[in-house]
């Protein structure tokens, strides 16, 4: 499965305003209830529970908040960009700028891990991260991801 198979244009925010973890999660999940039928509260709760286990801020300016939900019918992905950076309790202690939100059905552990690995691999590429940081419209994000998505 490719990233663009599950990343919805409506779930891309290239101008996150939040300055803290909860605020970013609230912004990232804002379009999700309309697209999945899962409530905003349930989404934030699952993500915050996962964050309590350990930050999904993996360092290098990257955060991949993720969670599994009982009442989700299919894998869902969102994207967020914070120009100023957010304190996300990242492993390297630096601000986080690029966020990929990953939500999967509770019984799809294999798919969940494969997509996390795919995103992580892409984000090791500094040029790719730089191109994402320059996106000003959701369509720009799609255009940056498309050629890399085809490589895997």
C-alpha atoms as a PDB file:
ATOM      1  CA  UNK A   1       0.000   0.000   0.000  1.00  0.00           C
ATOM      2  CA  UNK A   2       1.262   3.439  -0.923  1.00  0.00           C
ATOM      3  CA  UNK A   3       1.058   6.592   1.175  1.00  0.00           C
ATOM      4  CA  UNK A   4      -1.065   8.356  -1.425  1.00  0.00           C
ATOM      5  CA  UNK A   5      -3.568   5.485  -1.279  1.00  0.00           C
ATOM      6  CA  UNK A   6      -4.514   6.610   2.229  1.00  0.00           C
ATOM      7  CA  UNK A   7      -3.451  10.255   2.537  1.00  0.00           C
ATOM      8  CA  UNK A   8      -6.474  12.431   1.910  1.00  0.00           C
ATOM      9  CA  UNK A   9      -6.016  15.955   0.513  1.00  0.00           C
ATOM     10  CA  UNK A  10      -8.537  17.169   3.111  1.00  0.00           C
ATOM     11  CA  UNK A  11      -6.291  15.793   5.878  1.00  0.00           C
ATOM     12  CA  UNK A  12      -3.231  17.866   4.894  1.00  0.00           C
ATOM     13  CA  UNK A  13      -2.542  21.002   6.935  1.00  0.00           C
ATOM     14  CA  UNK A  14       0.507  22.967   5.774  1.00  0.00           C
ATOM     15  CA  UNK A  15       0.099  25.655   8.424  1.00  0.00           C
ATOM     16  CA  UNK A  16      -0.244  24.157  11.895  1.00  0.00           C
ATOM     17  CA  UNK A  17      -0.681  26.910  14.500  1.00  0.00           C
ATOM     18  CA  UNK A  18      -0.403  24.897  17.724  1.00  0.00           C
ATOM     19  CA  UNK A  19       2.590  25.296  20.001  1.00  0.00           C
ATOM     20  CA  UNK A  20       2.228  22.089  22.016  1.00  0.00           C
ATOM     21  CA  UNK A  21       1.614  18.379  21.516  1.00  0.00           C
ATOM     22  CA  UNK A  22      -2.102  18.318  22.380  1.00  0.00           C
ATOM     23  CA  UNK A  23      -2.732  21.335  20.160  1.00  0.00           C
ATOM     24  CA  UNK A  24      -0.986  19.703  17.202  1.00  0.00           C
ATOM     25  CA  UNK A  25      -2.952  16.486  17.694  1.00  0.00           C
ATOM     26  CA  UNK A  26      -6.194  18.472  17.816  1.00  0.00           C
ATOM     27  CA  UNK A  27      -5.310  20.210  14.541  1.00  0.00           C
ATOM     28  CA  UNK A  28      -4.170  17.007  12.839  1.00  0.00           C
ATOM     29  CA  UNK A  29      -7.386  15.146  13.663  1.00  0.00           C
ATOM     30  CA  UNK A  30      -9.728  18.074  12.895  1.00  0.00           C
ATOM     31  CA  UNK A  31     -10.766  16.768   9.427  1.00  0.00           C
ATOM     32  CA  UNK A  32     -10.807  13.096  10.446  1.00  0.00           C
ATOM     33  CA  UNK A  33     -14.301  12.814  12.017  1.00  0.00           C
ATOM     34  CA  UNK A  34     -15.937  14.020   8.800  1.00  0.00           C
ATOM     35  CA  UNK A  35     -13.897  11.543   6.743  1.00  0.00           C
ATOM     36  CA  UNK A  36     -14.108   8.489   9.040  1.00  0.00           C
ATOM     37  CA  UNK A  37     -17.070   8.942  11.370  1.00  0.00           C
ATOM     38  CA  UNK A  38     -14.833   8.587  14.450  1.00  0.00           C
ATOM     39  CA  UNK A  39     -15.315  11.370  17.000  1.00  0.00           C
ATOM     40  CA  UNK A  40     -12.681  14.035  17.565  1.00  0.00           C
ATOM     41  CA  UNK A  41     -12.545  13.129  21.263  1.00  0.00           C
ATOM     42  CA  UNK A  42     -11.915   9.430  20.569  1.00  0.00           C
ATOM     43  CA  UNK A  43      -9.142  10.270  18.121  1.00  0.00           C
ATOM     44  CA  UNK A  44      -7.299  12.618  20.482  1.00  0.00           C
ATOM     45  CA  UNK A  45      -7.744  10.191  23.377  1.00  0.00           C
ATOM     46  CA  UNK A  46      -6.154   7.292  21.452  1.00  0.00           C
ATOM     47  CA  UNK A  47      -3.265   9.471  20.274  1.00  0.00           C
ATOM     48  CA  UNK A  48      -2.586  10.899  23.741  1.00  0.00           C
ATOM     49  CA  UNK A  49      -2.673   7.389  25.249  1.00  0.00           C
ATOM     50  CA  UNK A  50      -0.046   6.338  22.705  1.00  0.00           C
ATOM     51  CA  UNK A  51       2.070   9.419  23.512  1.00  0.00           C
ATOM     52  CA  UNK A  52       2.069   8.454  27.195  1.00  0.00           C
ATOM     53  CA  UNK A  53       3.859   5.222  26.228  1.00  0.00           C
ATOM     54  CA  UNK A  54       6.616   7.280  24.603  1.00  0.00           C
ATOM     55  CA  UNK A  55       6.758  10.240  22.288  1.00  0.00           C
ATOM     56  CA  UNK A  56       6.149   9.655  18.593  1.00  0.00           C
ATOM     57  CA  UNK A  57       8.516  12.563  17.942  1.00  0.00           C
ATOM     58  CA  UNK A  58      11.276  10.488  16.365  1.00  0.00           C
ATOM     59  CA  UNK A  59      13.808  13.312  16.013  1.00  0.00           C
ATOM     60  CA  UNK A  60      15.124  15.193  13.037  1.00  0.00           C
ATOM     61  CA  UNK A  61      12.062  17.434  13.069  1.00  0.00           C
ATOM     62  CA  UNK A  62       9.685  14.496  12.501  1.00  0.00           C
ATOM     63  CA  UNK A  63       6.624  13.313  14.411  1.00  0.00           C
ATOM     64  CA  UNK A  64       4.507  10.307  13.502  1.00  0.00           C
ATOM     65  CA  UNK A  65       1.585  10.305  15.929  1.00  0.00           C
ATOM     66  CA  UNK A  66      -0.289   7.059  15.493  1.00  0.00           C
ATOM     67  CA  UNK A  67      -2.936   4.909  17.063  1.00  0.00           C
ATOM     68  CA  UNK A  68      -5.280   1.983  16.564  1.00  0.00           C
ATOM     69  CA  UNK A  69      -9.034   2.386  16.813  1.00  0.00           C
ATOM     70  CA  UNK A  70     -11.766  -0.209  17.230  1.00  0.00           C
ATOM     71  CA  UNK A  71     -14.354   1.744  15.258  1.00  0.00           C
ATOM     72  CA  UNK A  72     -12.166   2.659  12.283  1.00  0.00           C
ATOM     73  CA  UNK A  73     -12.918   0.745   9.085  1.00  0.00           C
ATOM     74  CA  UNK A  74      -9.726   1.479   7.115  1.00  0.00           C
ATOM     75  CA  UNK A  75      -6.233   2.887   7.487  1.00  0.00           C
ATOM     76  CA  UNK A  76      -6.193   6.695   7.500  1.00  0.00           C
ATOM     77  CA  UNK A  77      -3.337   9.141   7.154  1.00  0.00           C
ATOM     78  CA  UNK A  78      -2.988  12.875   7.653  1.00  0.00           C
ATOM     79  CA  UNK A  79      -0.131  15.341   7.314  1.00  0.00           C
ATOM     80  CA  UNK A  80       0.775  18.520   9.139  1.00  0.00           C
ATOM     81  CA  UNK A  81       3.494  21.114   8.814  1.00  0.00           C
ATOM     82  CA  UNK A  82       4.573  23.512  11.551  1.00  0.00           C
ATOM     83  CA  UNK A  83       6.826  26.229  10.177  1.00  0.00           C
ATOM     84  CA  UNK A  84       7.963  27.384  13.628  1.00  0.00           C
ATOM     85  CA  UNK A  85       8.237  23.908  15.122  1.00  0.00           C
ATOM     86  CA  UNK A  86       6.551  22.397  18.152  1.00  0.00           C
ATOM     87  CA  UNK A  87       7.903  20.962  21.366  1.00  0.00           C
ATOM     88  CA  UNK A  88       6.778  17.351  20.856  1.00  0.00           C
ATOM     89  CA  UNK A  89       9.034  15.664  23.429  1.00  0.00           C
ATOM     90  CA  UNK A  90      11.128  14.470  20.520  1.00  0.00           C
ATOM     91  CA  UNK A  91      13.932  11.955  21.058  1.00  0.00           C
ATOM     92  CA  UNK A  92      16.551  14.565  20.119  1.00  0.00           C
ATOM     93  CA  UNK A  93      14.874  17.361  22.097  1.00  0.00           C
ATOM     94  CA  UNK A  94      14.574  19.546  19.000  1.00  0.00           C
ATOM     95  CA  UNK A  95      11.361  21.123  17.668  1.00  0.00           C
ATOM     96  CA  UNK A  96       9.155  19.002  15.412  1.00  0.00           C
ATOM     97  CA  UNK A  97       8.033  20.451  12.072  1.00  0.00           C
ATOM     98  CA  UNK A  98       6.749  17.575   9.917  1.00  0.00           C
ATOM     99  CA  UNK A  99       3.921  15.360  11.146  1.00  0.00           C
ATOM    100  CA  UNK A 100       2.422  12.258   9.591  1.00  0.00           C
ATOM    101  CA  UNK A 101      -0.745  11.118  11.384  1.00  0.00           C
ATOM    102  CA  UNK A 102      -1.449   7.395  11.090  1.00  0.00           C
ATOM    103  CA  UNK A 103      -4.684   5.805  12.272  1.00  0.00           C
ATOM    104  CA  UNK A 104      -5.404   2.138  11.729  1.00  0.00           C
ATOM    105  CA  UNK A 105      -8.170  -0.298  12.617  1.00  0.00           C
ATOM    106  CA  UNK A 106      -7.431  -2.153  15.841  1.00  0.00           C
ATOM    107  CA  UNK A 107      -7.052  -5.509  14.062  1.00  0.00           C
ATOM    108  CA  UNK A 108      -4.597  -4.249  11.389  1.00  0.00           C
ATOM    109  CA  UNK A 109      -1.291  -4.433  13.277  1.00  0.00           C
ATOM    110  CA  UNK A 110       0.706  -5.653  10.257  1.00  0.00           C
ATOM    111  CA  UNK A 111      -0.554  -2.865   8.022  1.00  0.00           C
ATOM    112  CA  UNK A 112       0.091  -0.341  10.797  1.00  0.00           C
ATOM    113  CA  UNK A 113       3.735  -1.407  11.144  1.00  0.00           C
ATOM    114  CA  UNK A 114       4.326  -1.530   7.378  1.00  0.00           C
ATOM    115  CA  UNK A 115       3.035   2.015   6.927  1.00  0.00           C
ATOM    116  CA  UNK A 116       5.079   3.317   9.882  1.00  0.00           C
ATOM    117  CA  UNK A 117       8.194   1.736   8.333  1.00  0.00           C
ATOM    118  CA  UNK A 118       7.395   3.218   4.916  1.00  0.00           C
ATOM    119  CA  UNK A 119       6.980   6.737   6.310  1.00  0.00           C
ATOM    120  CA  UNK A 120      10.140   6.408   8.416  1.00  0.00           C
ATOM    121  CA  UNK A 121      12.191   5.294   5.397  1.00  0.00           C
ATOM    122  CA  UNK A 122      11.030   8.247   3.315  1.00  0.00           C
ATOM    123  CA  UNK A 123      11.765  10.709   6.087  1.00  0.00           C
ATOM    124  CA  UNK A 124      15.404   9.647   6.329  1.00  0.00           C
ATOM    125  CA  UNK A 125      15.920  11.524   3.059  1.00  0.00           C
ATOM    126  CA  UNK A 126      16.938  15.115   3.891  1.00  0.00           C
ATOM    127  CA  UNK A 127      15.994  16.431   0.437  1.00  0.00           C
ATOM    128  CA  UNK A 128      12.518  14.929   0.808  1.00  0.00           C
ATOM    129  CA  UNK A 129      12.084  16.588   4.216  1.00  0.00           C
ATOM    130  CA  UNK A 130      13.299  19.904   2.805  1.00  0.00           C
ATOM    131  CA  UNK A 131      10.790  19.693  -0.049  1.00  0.00           C
ATOM    132  CA  UNK A 132       7.968  18.980   2.415  1.00  0.00           C
ATOM    133  CA  UNK A 133       9.007  22.007   4.482  1.00  0.00           C
ATOM    134  CA  UNK A 134       8.626  24.183   1.390  1.00  0.00           C
ATOM    135  CA  UNK A 135       5.038  23.078   0.702  1.00  0.00           C
ATOM    136  CA  UNK A 136       2.506  25.896   0.825  1.00  0.00           C
ATOM    137  CA  UNK A 137      -0.595  24.019  -0.337  1.00  0.00           C
ATOM    138  CA  UNK A 138      -1.904  20.517   0.307  1.00  0.00           C
ATOM    139  CA  UNK A 139      -1.379  19.784  -3.387  1.00  0.00           C
ATOM    140  CA  UNK A 140       2.333  20.603  -2.969  1.00  0.00           C
ATOM    141  CA  UNK A 141       2.623  17.880  -0.321  1.00  0.00           C
ATOM    142  CA  UNK A 142       1.032  15.352  -2.682  1.00  0.00           C
ATOM    143  CA  UNK A 143       3.449  16.345  -5.463  1.00  0.00           C
ATOM    144  CA  UNK A 144       6.468  15.924  -3.160  1.00  0.00           C
ATOM    145  CA  UNK A 145       5.305  12.493  -1.993  1.00  0.00           C
ATOM    146  CA  UNK A 146       4.167  11.095  -5.373  1.00  0.00           C
ATOM    147  CA  UNK A 147       7.585  10.332  -6.961  1.00  0.00           C
ATOM    148  CA  UNK A 148       8.984   8.841  -3.736  1.00  0.00           C
ATOM    149  CA  UNK A 149       5.824   6.798  -3.192  1.00  0.00           C
ATOM    150  CA  UNK A 150       6.335   5.171  -6.592  1.00  0.00           C
ATOM    151  CA  UNK A 151       9.855   4.002  -5.671  1.00  0.00           C
ATOM    152  CA  UNK A 152       8.703   1.528  -3.025  1.00  0.00           C
END
